[in-house]
């Protein structure tokens, strides 16, 4: 499932969300980029949102990468790819390993080959915590989200969380993604996966942009520096006041960084926002 905004014949931009999210997590960013004259396509990755669940239960990184390549091919011209977390990892494998030259540029949103184990464990723990039991209401799901990413003076409403949960026949609410996705991710071997990602990063030839949440517990400053060593031509933006969920934490600064990079993808400076 996908939503498109903007000028039909403009530069296409694919927005690929993180694990457990949907295309709706990009809505403000999508509107901002479309208003800037781009053609912006936000997609639901397989097993997420309104996209089909895998009949085989396959949710390997190469499966997501192949899906992105299919979308890129259907557009008829290499698009820009902006990928958060899972979307970014999938784009990295697609462009750096499977089919180089498929994307005009690649922006990785708070994701890099060298991920902090504690941050990964926290994300996985959050996603797995209510996998079977679900929630009594959308309000309860919203409270769980706020406990994961506390933000002073801000609270997630039931209305905002509603698109990310679905009500089952037992009356319980569960996340709007295939639970087999998380079991597939948790069964993958961490060290081998990170080396594969690092090798894909070394092979990137297109313009590359790494955006890190300044308070991220998943991509540390050292992890960002290691990525820039792997991809010397990459641009880097560190967004203060944002965690792993950069898009939601500081959307305006995030959109500014995207537009600046797209206006000059060969820029050599490394910025802070």
C-alpha atoms as a PDB file:
ATOM      1  CA  UNK A   1       0.000   0.000   0.000  1.00  0.00           C
ATOM      2  CA  UNK A   2       1.286   3.481  -0.806  1.00  0.00           C
ATOM      3  CA  UNK A   3       0.230   7.139  -0.727  1.00  0.00           C
ATOM      4  CA  UNK A   4       1.584   9.593  -3.298  1.00  0.00           C
ATOM      5  CA  UNK A   5       1.690  13.379  -3.035  1.00  0.00           C
ATOM      6  CA  UNK A   6       3.203  16.158  -5.106  1.00  0.00           C
ATOM      7  CA  UNK A   7       3.944  16.764  -8.785  1.00  0.00           C
ATOM      8  CA  UNK A   8       3.616  13.646 -10.935  1.00  0.00           C
ATOM      9  CA  UNK A   9       6.640  14.311 -13.146  1.00  0.00           C
ATOM     10  CA  UNK A  10       8.905  15.637 -10.371  1.00  0.00           C
ATOM     11  CA  UNK A  11      11.816  13.816  -8.755  1.00  0.00           C
ATOM     12  CA  UNK A  12      10.317  10.762  -6.998  1.00  0.00           C
ATOM     13  CA  UNK A  13      11.070  10.248  -3.318  1.00  0.00           C
ATOM     14  CA  UNK A  14      10.264   6.949  -1.602  1.00  0.00           C
ATOM     15  CA  UNK A  15       9.695   7.084   2.156  1.00  0.00           C
ATOM     16  CA  UNK A  16      10.258   3.684   3.811  1.00  0.00           C
ATOM     17  CA  UNK A  17       9.263   3.494   7.488  1.00  0.00           C
ATOM     18  CA  UNK A  18      10.835   1.640  10.384  1.00  0.00           C
ATOM     19  CA  UNK A  19       9.862  -1.748  11.762  1.00  0.00           C
ATOM     20  CA  UNK A  20       6.444  -1.745  13.398  1.00  0.00           C
ATOM     21  CA  UNK A  21       5.430   1.557  11.793  1.00  0.00           C
ATOM     22  CA  UNK A  22       3.308   2.353   8.740  1.00  0.00           C
ATOM     23  CA  UNK A  23       3.378   4.867   5.895  1.00  0.00           C
ATOM     24  CA  UNK A  24       1.331   7.235   8.080  1.00  0.00           C
ATOM     25  CA  UNK A  25       4.367   7.920  10.256  1.00  0.00           C
ATOM     26  CA  UNK A  26       5.683  10.040   7.368  1.00  0.00           C
ATOM     27  CA  UNK A  27       2.597  12.203   6.847  1.00  0.00           C
ATOM     28  CA  UNK A  28       4.029  15.560   7.948  1.00  0.00           C
ATOM     29  CA  UNK A  29       7.314  14.920   6.160  1.00  0.00           C
ATOM     30  CA  UNK A  30       5.477  13.808   3.041  1.00  0.00           C
ATOM     31  CA  UNK A  31       3.384  16.976   2.973  1.00  0.00           C
ATOM     32  CA  UNK A  32       6.449  19.163   3.485  1.00  0.00           C
ATOM     33  CA  UNK A  33       8.456  17.510   0.687  1.00  0.00           C
ATOM     34  CA  UNK A  34       5.488  17.555  -1.687  1.00  0.00           C
ATOM     35  CA  UNK A  35       5.020  21.272  -1.029  1.00  0.00           C
ATOM     36  CA  UNK A  36       8.660  21.726  -2.044  1.00  0.00           C
ATOM     37  CA  UNK A  37       7.848  20.355  -5.510  1.00  0.00           C
ATOM     38  CA  UNK A  38       8.785  16.696  -5.145  1.00  0.00           C
ATOM     39  CA  UNK A  39       6.783  13.558  -5.905  1.00  0.00           C
ATOM     40  CA  UNK A  40       6.660  11.793  -2.554  1.00  0.00           C
ATOM     41  CA  UNK A  41       5.567   8.176  -2.130  1.00  0.00           C
ATOM     42  CA  UNK A  42       5.143   6.758   1.367  1.00  0.00           C
ATOM     43  CA  UNK A  43       4.826   2.979   1.411  1.00  0.00           C
ATOM     44  CA  UNK A  44       3.721   0.306   3.851  1.00  0.00           C
ATOM     45  CA  UNK A  45       6.451  -2.323   3.951  1.00  0.00           C
ATOM     46  CA  UNK A  46       5.426  -5.963   3.686  1.00  0.00           C
ATOM     47  CA  UNK A  47       3.567  -7.187   6.743  1.00  0.00           C
ATOM     48  CA  UNK A  48       2.928  -3.624   7.930  1.00  0.00           C
ATOM     49  CA  UNK A  49      -0.084  -1.334   7.760  1.00  0.00           C
ATOM     50  CA  UNK A  50      -2.291  -2.128   4.784  1.00  0.00           C
ATOM     51  CA  UNK A  51       0.291  -4.110   2.828  1.00  0.00           C
ATOM     52  CA  UNK A  52      -0.147  -7.863   2.599  1.00  0.00           C
ATOM     53  CA  UNK A  53       1.379 -10.195   5.125  1.00  0.00           C
ATOM     54  CA  UNK A  54       3.892 -12.629   3.690  1.00  0.00           C
ATOM     55  CA  UNK A  55       2.225 -15.979   2.991  1.00  0.00           C
ATOM     56  CA  UNK A  56       5.558 -17.700   3.607  1.00  0.00           C
ATOM     57  CA  UNK A  57       6.328 -15.652   6.702  1.00  0.00           C
ATOM     58  CA  UNK A  58       9.512 -14.332   5.072  1.00  0.00           C
ATOM     59  CA  UNK A  59      10.636 -11.044   6.582  1.00  0.00           C
ATOM     60  CA  UNK A  60      14.343 -11.175   5.830  1.00  0.00           C
ATOM     61  CA  UNK A  61      16.215  -7.980   5.082  1.00  0.00           C
ATOM     62  CA  UNK A  62      16.629  -9.061   1.447  1.00  0.00           C
ATOM     63  CA  UNK A  63      12.856  -9.516   1.144  1.00  0.00           C
ATOM     64  CA  UNK A  64      12.280  -5.901   2.144  1.00  0.00           C
ATOM     65  CA  UNK A  65      15.147  -4.825  -0.126  1.00  0.00           C
ATOM     66  CA  UNK A  66      13.626  -6.638  -3.098  1.00  0.00           C
ATOM     67  CA  UNK A  67      10.297  -4.926  -2.423  1.00  0.00           C
ATOM     68  CA  UNK A  68      11.952  -1.507  -2.503  1.00  0.00           C
ATOM     69  CA  UNK A  69      13.672  -2.390  -5.767  1.00  0.00           C
ATOM     70  CA  UNK A  70      10.330  -3.376  -7.277  1.00  0.00           C
ATOM     71  CA  UNK A  71       8.868  -0.003  -6.323  1.00  0.00           C
ATOM     72  CA  UNK A  72      11.894   1.820  -7.726  1.00  0.00           C
ATOM     73  CA  UNK A  73      11.705  -0.106 -10.997  1.00  0.00           C
ATOM     74  CA  UNK A  74       7.987   0.651 -11.367  1.00  0.00           C
ATOM     75  CA  UNK A  75       8.695   4.387 -11.192  1.00  0.00           C
ATOM     76  CA  UNK A  76      10.791   4.230 -14.362  1.00  0.00           C
ATOM     77  CA  UNK A  77      13.560   6.473 -13.024  1.00  0.00           C
ATOM     78  CA  UNK A  78      15.896   6.016 -10.049  1.00  0.00           C
ATOM     79  CA  UNK A  79      14.125   7.604  -7.062  1.00  0.00           C
ATOM     80  CA  UNK A  80      15.481   9.115  -3.910  1.00  0.00           C
ATOM     81  CA  UNK A  81      15.106   6.726  -0.971  1.00  0.00           C
ATOM     82  CA  UNK A  82      14.629   7.937   2.588  1.00  0.00           C
ATOM     83  CA  UNK A  83      14.577   4.979   4.947  1.00  0.00           C
ATOM     84  CA  UNK A  84      14.095   4.977   8.712  1.00  0.00           C
ATOM     85  CA  UNK A  85      15.566   2.066  10.653  1.00  0.00           C
ATOM     86  CA  UNK A  86      14.227  -1.055   8.864  1.00  0.00           C
ATOM     87  CA  UNK A  87      13.511   0.997   5.735  1.00  0.00           C
ATOM     88  CA  UNK A  88      17.061   2.321   5.784  1.00  0.00           C
ATOM     89  CA  UNK A  89      18.646  -1.092   6.291  1.00  0.00           C
ATOM     90  CA  UNK A  90      16.575  -2.462   3.417  1.00  0.00           C
ATOM     91  CA  UNK A  91      17.669   0.395   1.179  1.00  0.00           C
ATOM     92  CA  UNK A  92      21.291  -0.144   2.153  1.00  0.00           C
ATOM     93  CA  UNK A  93      21.146  -3.803   1.105  1.00  0.00           C
ATOM     94  CA  UNK A  94      19.195  -2.965  -2.060  1.00  0.00           C
ATOM     95  CA  UNK A  95      21.621  -0.274  -3.255  1.00  0.00           C
ATOM     96  CA  UNK A  96      24.889  -1.538  -1.797  1.00  0.00           C
ATOM     97  CA  UNK A  97      24.495  -5.257  -2.426  1.00  0.00           C
ATOM     98  CA  UNK A  98      21.665  -6.389  -4.671  1.00  0.00           C
ATOM     99  CA  UNK A  99      21.297  -3.782  -7.431  1.00  0.00           C
ATOM    100  CA  UNK A 100      23.597  -0.733  -7.295  1.00  0.00           C
ATOM    101  CA  UNK A 101      22.349   2.281  -9.216  1.00  0.00           C
ATOM    102  CA  UNK A 102      18.698   1.726  -8.372  1.00  0.00           C
ATOM    103  CA  UNK A 103      18.392   4.903  -6.294  1.00  0.00           C
ATOM    104  CA  UNK A 104      19.374   8.486  -7.048  1.00  0.00           C
ATOM    105  CA  UNK A 105      20.437   8.920  -3.421  1.00  0.00           C
ATOM    106  CA  UNK A 106      20.064   7.159  -0.101  1.00  0.00           C
ATOM    107  CA  UNK A 107      19.181   8.746   3.241  1.00  0.00           C
ATOM    108  CA  UNK A 108      19.490   6.546   6.323  1.00  0.00           C
ATOM    109  CA  UNK A 109      17.460   7.774   9.283  1.00  0.00           C
ATOM    110  CA  UNK A 110      19.067   6.818  12.597  1.00  0.00           C
ATOM    111  CA  UNK A 111      20.398   3.528  11.342  1.00  0.00           C
ATOM    112  CA  UNK A 112      23.904   2.334  10.498  1.00  0.00           C
ATOM    113  CA  UNK A 113      25.771  -0.991  10.396  1.00  0.00           C
ATOM    114  CA  UNK A 114      27.299  -0.423  13.849  1.00  0.00           C
ATOM    115  CA  UNK A 115      24.221  -0.407  16.081  1.00  0.00           C
ATOM    116  CA  UNK A 116      24.405  -0.202  19.851  1.00  0.00           C
ATOM    117  CA  UNK A 117      23.370  -3.578  21.346  1.00  0.00           C
ATOM    118  CA  UNK A 118      21.511  -1.949  24.246  1.00  0.00           C
ATOM    119  CA  UNK A 119      19.526   0.229  21.851  1.00  0.00           C
ATOM    120  CA  UNK A 120      18.665  -2.716  19.632  1.00  0.00           C
ATOM    121  CA  UNK A 121      17.565  -4.712  22.676  1.00  0.00           C
ATOM    122  CA  UNK A 122      15.324  -1.862  23.841  1.00  0.00           C
ATOM    123  CA  UNK A 123      13.620  -1.584  20.446  1.00  0.00           C
ATOM    124  CA  UNK A 124      13.143  -5.344  20.193  1.00  0.00           C
ATOM    125  CA  UNK A 125      11.870  -5.515  23.757  1.00  0.00           C
ATOM    126  CA  UNK A 126       9.306  -2.815  23.096  1.00  0.00           C
ATOM    127  CA  UNK A 127       8.040  -4.505  19.939  1.00  0.00           C
ATOM    128  CA  UNK A 128       7.872  -7.967  21.482  1.00  0.00           C
ATOM    129  CA  UNK A 129       6.416  -6.977  24.864  1.00  0.00           C
ATOM    130  CA  UNK A 130       2.717  -7.064  23.895  1.00  0.00           C
ATOM    131  CA  UNK A 131       2.959  -9.292  20.845  1.00  0.00           C
ATOM    132  CA  UNK A 132       0.564 -11.944  22.117  1.00  0.00           C
ATOM    133  CA  UNK A 133      -1.588 -10.179  24.696  1.00  0.00           C
ATOM    134  CA  UNK A 134      -2.092  -6.853  22.915  1.00  0.00           C
ATOM    135  CA  UNK A 135      -3.838  -3.951  24.646  1.00  0.00           C
ATOM    136  CA  UNK A 136      -7.228  -3.416  26.214  1.00  0.00           C
ATOM    137  CA  UNK A 137      -7.658  -0.167  24.275  1.00  0.00           C
ATOM    138  CA  UNK A 138      -5.935   2.280  21.939  1.00  0.00           C
ATOM    139  CA  UNK A 139      -5.423   4.494  24.998  1.00  0.00           C
ATOM    140  CA  UNK A 140      -3.365   1.770  26.662  1.00  0.00           C
ATOM    141  CA  UNK A 141      -1.263   1.382  23.502  1.00  0.00           C
ATOM    142  CA  UNK A 142      -0.640   5.138  23.504  1.00  0.00           C
ATOM    143  CA  UNK A 143       0.537   4.981  27.119  1.00  0.00           C
ATOM    144  CA  UNK A 144       2.996   2.222  26.217  1.00  0.00           C
ATOM    145  CA  UNK A 145       4.395   4.339  23.390  1.00  0.00           C
ATOM    146  CA  UNK A 146       4.910   7.255  25.768  1.00  0.00           C
ATOM    147  CA  UNK A 147       6.711   5.024  28.245  1.00  0.00           C
ATOM    148  CA  UNK A 148       9.089   3.951  25.468  1.00  0.00           C
ATOM    149  CA  UNK A 149       9.865   7.474  24.263  1.00  0.00           C
ATOM    150  CA  UNK A 150       9.118   9.937  27.076  1.00  0.00           C
ATOM    151  CA  UNK A 151       8.824  13.492  25.807  1.00  0.00           C
ATOM    152  CA  UNK A 152       8.395  16.379  28.202  1.00  0.00           C
ATOM    153  CA  UNK A 153       5.035  18.072  27.791  1.00  0.00           C
ATOM    154  CA  UNK A 154       3.869  15.765  24.975  1.00  0.00           C
ATOM    155  CA  UNK A 155       1.517  12.819  25.092  1.00  0.00           C
ATOM    156  CA  UNK A 156       0.386  10.390  22.412  1.00  0.00           C
ATOM    157  CA  UNK A 157      -3.391  10.418  21.990  1.00  0.00           C
ATOM    158  CA  UNK A 158      -5.591   7.435  21.230  1.00  0.00           C
ATOM    159  CA  UNK A 159      -6.584   9.114  17.961  1.00  0.00           C
ATOM    160  CA  UNK A 160      -2.966   9.388  16.899  1.00  0.00           C
ATOM    161  CA  UNK A 161      -2.160   5.774  17.738  1.00  0.00           C
ATOM    162  CA  UNK A 162      -5.344   4.349  16.156  1.00  0.00           C
ATOM    163  CA  UNK A 163      -3.863   3.847  12.640  1.00  0.00           C
ATOM    164  CA  UNK A 164      -1.070   1.717  14.125  1.00  0.00           C
ATOM    165  CA  UNK A 165      -3.277  -0.818  15.927  1.00  0.00           C
ATOM    166  CA  UNK A 166      -6.085  -3.152  14.911  1.00  0.00           C
ATOM    167  CA  UNK A 167      -8.864  -4.730  16.984  1.00  0.00           C
ATOM    168  CA  UNK A 168      -8.977  -8.525  17.020  1.00  0.00           C
ATOM    169  CA  UNK A 169     -11.928 -10.847  17.380  1.00  0.00           C
ATOM    170  CA  UNK A 170     -11.101 -11.200  21.064  1.00  0.00           C
ATOM    171  CA  UNK A 171     -11.617  -7.455  21.555  1.00  0.00           C
ATOM    172  CA  UNK A 172      -7.919  -6.806  22.188  1.00  0.00           C
ATOM    173  CA  UNK A 173      -5.905  -4.265  20.207  1.00  0.00           C
ATOM    174  CA  UNK A 174      -2.616  -5.278  18.607  1.00  0.00           C
ATOM    175  CA  UNK A 175      -0.017  -3.556  16.478  1.00  0.00           C
ATOM    176  CA  UNK A 176      -0.854  -3.276  12.776  1.00  0.00           C
ATOM    177  CA  UNK A 177       1.908  -5.625  11.609  1.00  0.00           C
ATOM    178  CA  UNK A 178       2.495  -9.345  11.224  1.00  0.00           C
ATOM    179  CA  UNK A 179       3.846 -10.752  14.532  1.00  0.00           C
ATOM    180  CA  UNK A 180       6.030 -13.125  12.505  1.00  0.00           C
ATOM    181  CA  UNK A 181       8.065 -10.088  11.510  1.00  0.00           C
ATOM    182  CA  UNK A 182       9.523  -9.613  14.973  1.00  0.00           C
ATOM    183  CA  UNK A 183      10.283 -13.317  15.419  1.00  0.00           C
ATOM    184  CA  UNK A 184      12.080 -13.257  12.063  1.00  0.00           C
ATOM    185  CA  UNK A 185      14.176 -10.263  13.097  1.00  0.00           C
ATOM    186  CA  UNK A 186      15.028 -11.711  16.502  1.00  0.00           C
ATOM    187  CA  UNK A 187      16.212 -14.988  14.948  1.00  0.00           C
ATOM    188  CA  UNK A 188      18.800 -13.311  12.695  1.00  0.00           C
ATOM    189  CA  UNK A 189      22.468 -13.390  13.699  1.00  0.00           C
ATOM    190  CA  UNK A 190      23.637  -9.965  14.835  1.00  0.00           C
ATOM    191  CA  UNK A 191      27.356 -10.078  14.006  1.00  0.00           C
ATOM    192  CA  UNK A 192      26.907 -11.576  10.547  1.00  0.00           C
ATOM    193  CA  UNK A 193      24.162  -9.071   9.786  1.00  0.00           C
ATOM    194  CA  UNK A 194      26.280  -6.088  10.818  1.00  0.00           C
ATOM    195  CA  UNK A 195      29.228  -7.233   8.705  1.00  0.00           C
ATOM    196  CA  UNK A 196      26.914  -7.657   5.734  1.00  0.00           C
ATOM    197  CA  UNK A 197      25.588  -4.137   6.238  1.00  0.00           C
ATOM    198  CA  UNK A 198      29.098  -2.744   6.552  1.00  0.00           C
ATOM    199  CA  UNK A 199      30.130  -4.388   3.290  1.00  0.00           C
ATOM    200  CA  UNK A 200      27.053  -2.973   1.545  1.00  0.00           C
ATOM    201  CA  UNK A 201      27.918   0.480   2.904  1.00  0.00           C
ATOM    202  CA  UNK A 202      31.466   0.244   1.524  1.00  0.00           C
ATOM    203  CA  UNK A 203      30.020  -0.336  -1.942  1.00  0.00           C
ATOM    204  CA  UNK A 204      27.708   2.683  -1.987  1.00  0.00           C
ATOM    205  CA  UNK A 205      28.505   5.019  -4.867  1.00  0.00           C
ATOM    206  CA  UNK A 206      25.359   7.175  -4.922  1.00  0.00           C
ATOM    207  CA  UNK A 207      24.988  10.306  -2.756  1.00  0.00           C
ATOM    208  CA  UNK A 208      24.412   9.219   0.850  1.00  0.00           C
ATOM    209  CA  UNK A 209      23.031  11.056   3.867  1.00  0.00           C
ATOM    210  CA  UNK A 210      23.055   9.772   7.441  1.00  0.00           C
ATOM    211  CA  UNK A 211      20.640  11.490   9.815  1.00  0.00           C
ATOM    212  CA  UNK A 212      21.107  10.662  13.491  1.00  0.00           C
ATOM    213  CA  UNK A 213      18.908  11.545  16.430  1.00  0.00           C
ATOM    214  CA  UNK A 214      21.185  13.437  18.793  1.00  0.00           C
ATOM    215  CA  UNK A 215      19.890  11.419  21.764  1.00  0.00           C
ATOM    216  CA  UNK A 216      19.655   8.103  19.910  1.00  0.00           C
ATOM    217  CA  UNK A 217      20.515   4.985  21.858  1.00  0.00           C
ATOM    218  CA  UNK A 218      20.694   2.945  18.645  1.00  0.00           C
ATOM    219  CA  UNK A 219      23.273   4.922  16.640  1.00  0.00           C
ATOM    220  CA  UNK A 220      25.980   6.397  18.851  1.00  0.00           C
ATOM    221  CA  UNK A 221      28.377   9.174  17.783  1.00  0.00           C
ATOM    222  CA  UNK A 222      30.994   6.441  17.400  1.00  0.00           C
ATOM    223  CA  UNK A 223      28.630   4.390  15.239  1.00  0.00           C
ATOM    224  CA  UNK A 224      27.990   7.414  13.030  1.00  0.00           C
ATOM    225  CA  UNK A 225      31.733   8.059  12.747  1.00  0.00           C
ATOM    226  CA  UNK A 226      32.322   4.430  11.777  1.00  0.00           C
ATOM    227  CA  UNK A 227      29.698   4.762   9.028  1.00  0.00           C
ATOM    228  CA  UNK A 228      31.374   7.903   7.690  1.00  0.00           C
ATOM    229  CA  UNK A 229      34.648   5.974   7.552  1.00  0.00           C
ATOM    230  CA  UNK A 230      32.906   3.308   5.475  1.00  0.00           C
ATOM    231  CA  UNK A 231      31.264   5.907   3.203  1.00  0.00           C
ATOM    232  CA  UNK A 232      33.673   8.877   3.040  1.00  0.00           C
ATOM    233  CA  UNK A 233      31.488  10.802   0.596  1.00  0.00           C
ATOM    234  CA  UNK A 234      28.428  10.653   2.872  1.00  0.00           C
ATOM    235  CA  UNK A 235      26.819  13.731   4.422  1.00  0.00           C
ATOM    236  CA  UNK A 236      25.862  13.688   8.082  1.00  0.00           C
ATOM    237  CA  UNK A 237      23.212  15.517  10.095  1.00  0.00           C
ATOM    238  CA  UNK A 238      22.948  15.159  13.874  1.00  0.00           C
ATOM    239  CA  UNK A 239      19.551  16.413  15.072  1.00  0.00           C
ATOM    240  CA  UNK A 240      19.575  17.594  18.673  1.00  0.00           C
ATOM    241  CA  UNK A 241      16.554  16.852  20.811  1.00  0.00           C
ATOM    242  CA  UNK A 242      15.628  13.726  18.855  1.00  0.00           C
ATOM    243  CA  UNK A 243      15.965  10.061  19.688  1.00  0.00           C
ATOM    244  CA  UNK A 244      15.673   7.049  17.415  1.00  0.00           C
ATOM    245  CA  UNK A 245      12.235   8.275  16.295  1.00  0.00           C
ATOM    246  CA  UNK A 246      13.739  11.341  14.641  1.00  0.00           C
ATOM    247  CA  UNK A 247      10.813  11.931  12.283  1.00  0.00           C
ATOM    248  CA  UNK A 248       8.317  12.239  15.111  1.00  0.00           C
ATOM    249  CA  UNK A 249      10.592  13.943  17.635  1.00  0.00           C
ATOM    250  CA  UNK A 250      11.737  16.894  15.496  1.00  0.00           C
ATOM    251  CA  UNK A 251       9.923  16.735  12.189  1.00  0.00           C
ATOM    252  CA  UNK A 252      10.650  20.279  11.043  1.00  0.00           C
ATOM    253  CA  UNK A 253      14.415  19.935  11.521  1.00  0.00           C
ATOM    254  CA  UNK A 254      14.274  16.515   9.876  1.00  0.00           C
ATOM    255  CA  UNK A 255      12.451  17.823   6.794  1.00  0.00           C
ATOM    256  CA  UNK A 256      14.880  20.744   6.568  1.00  0.00           C
ATOM    257  CA  UNK A 257      17.807  18.309   6.538  1.00  0.00           C
ATOM    258  CA  UNK A 258      16.209  16.205   3.810  1.00  0.00           C
ATOM    259  CA  UNK A 259      15.519  19.199   1.581  1.00  0.00           C
ATOM    260  CA  UNK A 260      18.995  20.647   2.081  1.00  0.00           C
ATOM    261  CA  UNK A 261      20.565  17.350   1.062  1.00  0.00           C
ATOM    262  CA  UNK A 262      18.331  16.931  -1.978  1.00  0.00           C
ATOM    263  CA  UNK A 263      19.157  20.447  -3.143  1.00  0.00           C
ATOM    264  CA  UNK A 264      22.879  19.674  -2.953  1.00  0.00           C
ATOM    265  CA  UNK A 265      23.481  15.916  -2.577  1.00  0.00           C
ATOM    266  CA  UNK A 266      27.205  16.271  -3.263  1.00  0.00           C
ATOM    267  CA  UNK A 267      27.804  18.670  -0.402  1.00  0.00           C
ATOM    268  CA  UNK A 268      30.805  17.712   1.685  1.00  0.00           C
ATOM    269  CA  UNK A 269      29.889  19.489   4.921  1.00  0.00           C
ATOM    270  CA  UNK A 270      28.571  17.559   7.873  1.00  0.00           C
ATOM    271  CA  UNK A 271      25.836  19.441   9.644  1.00  0.00           C
ATOM    272  CA  UNK A 272      24.065  19.695  12.952  1.00  0.00           C
ATOM    273  CA  UNK A 273      20.445  20.763  13.471  1.00  0.00           C
END
